[in-house]
Amino acid sequence: MGTARLITDRRSLRRLIARLQQDNKKIVFTNGCFDIVHAGHTAYLISAKKRGDILIVGLNSDASVRSIKGPRRPINDQRSRAAVLLSLRPVDYVCVFDEPTPLELIKIVRPDVLVKGGDWRKGEIVGAGFVESYRGRVVTIPVVRRISTTKIIERICKLYA
């Protein structure tokens, strides 16, 4: 596909999906805050990409991260987080979303495979029922223990306390 691209609006996303489906590409979708990208994230994205041809990452906007994680987050703004994701080999497209959940993006993308980390139970995964309704697959990928953005932030705070 070439280099990864940032999709900035829903209309462009719809056009992209139509083209990918016409080309019979197997689309994988995942989402997250990706605030401080670490080895756990990269292992997760590599594993997600192996499940299809195209990996689309839904990225929580700054406002969305604040609503989920609190007023001190994100550490990195959405432009920086998107730039880091776009530099990673497994990622084909990044689409920022403002909502608390990626459900509207999932409805547009209609992924063949919806991927989340193993810290999510299948019944808790946003969009799982929708994806399964058209026989798409929902996959959980084991998380790398001992690595998380929250733990990294806690370790830094202890160092500088």
Protein backbone atom coordinates (compact mmCIF):
# COMPACT_ATOMS: atom_id res chain seq x y z
CA MET A 1 0.00 0.00 0.00
CA GLY A 2 2.93 2.37 0.48
CA THR A 3 3.25 4.76 3.40
CA ALA A 4 0.66 5.11 6.14
CA ARG A 5 -1.86 7.92 5.87
CA LEU A 6 -3.93 9.99 8.25
CA ILE A 7 -7.62 10.03 7.39
CA THR A 8 -8.99 13.37 8.56
CA ASP A 9 -12.70 13.08 7.82
CA ARG A 10 -15.45 10.49 7.61
CA ARG A 11 -16.15 11.14 3.93
CA SER A 12 -12.54 10.27 3.00
CA LEU A 13 -12.78 7.20 5.21
CA ARG A 14 -15.91 6.03 3.37
CA ARG A 15 -14.19 6.47 -0.01
CA LEU A 16 -11.12 4.59 1.22
CA ILE A 17 -13.20 1.69 2.53
CA ALA A 18 -15.12 1.44 -0.74
CA ARG A 19 -11.83 1.25 -2.67
CA LEU A 20 -10.31 -1.32 -0.32
CA GLN A 21 -13.43 -3.50 -0.46
CA GLN A 22 -13.47 -3.25 -4.26
CA ASP A 23 -9.85 -4.47 -4.21
CA ASN A 24 -10.90 -7.39 -1.93
CA LYS A 25 -8.56 -6.27 0.85
CA LYS A 26 -9.07 -7.87 4.26
CA ILE A 27 -9.47 -4.94 6.66
CA VAL A 28 -8.38 -5.09 10.30
CA PHE A 29 -9.46 -2.36 12.74
CA THR A 30 -8.26 -1.54 16.21
CA ASN A 31 -8.37 1.54 18.36
CA GLY A 32 -6.84 3.14 21.40
CA CYS A 33 -5.27 6.18 23.01
CA PHE A 34 -1.65 5.17 22.26
CA ASP A 35 -0.51 7.95 24.57
CA ILE A 36 3.06 6.79 25.18
CA VAL A 37 3.76 4.13 22.57
CA HIS A 38 5.77 1.27 24.05
CA ALA A 39 6.89 -2.27 23.16
CA GLY A 40 3.51 -3.69 24.20
CA HIS A 41 1.78 -1.44 21.66
CA THR A 42 4.17 -2.38 18.86
CA ALA A 43 3.79 -6.13 19.54
CA TYR A 44 0.01 -5.65 19.56
CA LEU A 45 -0.03 -3.74 16.27
CA ILE A 46 2.26 -6.29 14.58
CA SER A 47 -0.06 -9.08 15.70
CA ALA A 48 -3.15 -7.16 14.56
CA LYS A 49 -1.68 -6.53 11.11
CA LYS A 50 -1.02 -10.26 10.62
CA ARG A 51 -4.78 -10.82 10.61
CA GLY A 52 -5.39 -9.01 7.34
CA ASP A 53 -4.11 -6.86 4.49
CA ILE A 54 -4.84 -3.38 5.84
CA LEU A 55 -4.63 -2.15 9.43
CA ILE A 56 -6.72 0.89 10.31
CA VAL A 57 -6.15 2.39 13.75
CA GLY A 58 -8.84 4.52 15.36
CA LEU A 59 -7.06 7.05 17.60
CA ASN A 60 -8.88 8.75 20.47
CA SER A 61 -8.67 12.53 20.14
CA ASP A 62 -7.25 14.59 23.00
CA ALA A 63 -10.78 15.40 24.22
CA SER A 64 -11.76 11.74 24.04
CA VAL A 65 -8.68 10.68 26.03
CA ARG A 66 -9.43 13.30 28.70
CA SER A 67 -13.00 12.05 29.03
CA ILE A 68 -11.74 8.48 29.55
CA LYS A 69 -8.45 8.92 31.43
CA GLY A 70 -8.91 12.24 33.24
CA PRO A 71 -7.75 15.85 32.93
CA ARG A 72 -4.00 15.09 33.08
CA ARG A 73 -4.07 12.93 29.99
CA PRO A 74 -3.07 12.61 27.25
CA ILE A 75 0.63 13.14 27.84
CA ASN A 76 1.19 13.54 24.07
CA ASP A 77 -1.27 15.45 21.90
CA GLN A 78 -3.22 13.75 19.12
CA ARG A 79 -0.97 15.08 16.34
CA SER A 80 2.10 13.60 18.03
CA ARG A 81 0.35 10.31 18.79
CA ALA A 82 -0.89 10.05 15.19
CA ALA A 83 2.60 10.82 13.84
CA VAL A 84 4.14 8.04 15.93
CA LEU A 85 1.49 5.52 14.83
CA LEU A 86 1.91 6.51 11.18
CA SER A 87 5.64 5.80 11.45
CA LEU A 88 5.06 2.19 12.50
CA ARG A 89 5.34 -0.43 9.76
CA PRO A 90 2.14 -2.39 10.60
CA VAL A 91 -0.11 0.71 10.48
CA ASP A 92 -1.68 1.62 7.14
CA TYR A 93 -4.18 4.30 8.20
CA VAL A 94 -4.98 6.32 11.31
CA CYS A 95 -8.31 8.00 11.87
CA VAL A 96 -8.81 10.27 14.91
CA PHE A 97 -12.20 10.18 16.60
CA ASP A 98 -13.75 12.50 19.21
CA GLU A 99 -16.39 10.17 20.61
CA PRO A 100 -15.76 8.17 23.80
CA THR A 101 -15.93 4.95 21.75
CA PRO A 102 -15.00 4.03 18.17
CA LEU A 103 -18.43 2.58 17.34
CA GLU A 104 -19.23 5.09 14.58
CA LEU A 105 -15.84 4.44 12.94
CA ILE A 106 -16.39 0.70 13.17
CA LYS A 107 -19.76 1.09 11.43
CA ILE A 108 -18.08 2.98 8.58
CA VAL A 109 -15.08 0.64 8.28
CA ARG A 110 -17.05 -2.63 8.64
CA PRO A 111 -13.78 -4.45 9.34
CA ASP A 112 -13.29 -8.09 8.50
CA VAL A 113 -11.44 -8.35 11.82
CA LEU A 114 -11.90 -6.20 14.93
CA VAL A 115 -8.92 -6.48 17.29
CA LYS A 116 -8.56 -5.50 20.95
CA GLY A 117 -6.09 -6.34 23.68
CA GLY A 118 -6.59 -9.35 25.89
CA ASP A 119 -7.39 -7.07 28.81
CA TRP A 120 -10.83 -6.69 27.19
CA ARG A 121 -13.44 -9.43 27.52
CA LYS A 122 -15.27 -10.14 24.28
CA GLY A 123 -18.58 -8.91 25.71
CA GLU A 124 -16.99 -5.54 26.57
CA ILE A 125 -15.47 -4.84 23.16
CA VAL A 126 -17.22 -1.90 21.53
CA GLY A 127 -18.54 -2.90 18.12
CA ALA A 128 -18.14 -6.66 18.64
CA GLY A 129 -21.84 -7.39 18.16
CA PHE A 130 -21.97 -5.24 15.04
CA VAL A 131 -18.92 -6.92 13.49
CA GLU A 132 -20.20 -10.39 14.30
CA SER A 133 -23.62 -9.49 12.80
CA TYR A 134 -22.10 -9.62 9.29
CA ARG A 135 -19.79 -12.55 10.13
CA GLY A 136 -16.72 -10.48 10.82
CA ARG A 137 -14.27 -11.77 13.43
CA VAL A 138 -13.50 -10.30 16.82
CA VAL A 139 -10.02 -11.17 18.08
CA THR A 140 -8.30 -10.43 21.37
CA ILE A 141 -4.51 -10.33 21.46
CA PRO A 142 -2.68 -11.13 24.71
CA VAL A 143 -1.21 -8.08 26.38
CA VAL A 144 2.46 -7.82 27.25
CA ARG A 145 2.44 -7.89 31.04
CA ARG A 146 4.40 -5.34 33.06
CA ILE A 147 4.17 -2.79 30.22
CA SER A 148 1.51 -0.08 30.13
CA THR A 149 1.37 3.67 29.66
CA THR A 150 -0.05 4.06 33.16
CA LYS A 151 2.82 2.06 34.68
CA ILE A 152 5.35 4.12 32.72
CA ILE A 153 3.79 7.36 34.02
CA GLU A 154 3.76 6.01 37.60
CA ARG A 155 7.44 5.02 37.34
CA ILE A 156 8.40 8.48 36.03
CA CYS A 157 6.42 10.19 38.80
CA LYS A 158 8.23 8.11 41.44
CA LEU A 159 11.60 8.98 39.92
CA TYR A 160 10.92 12.72 40.04
CA ALA A 161 8.88 12.89 43.25
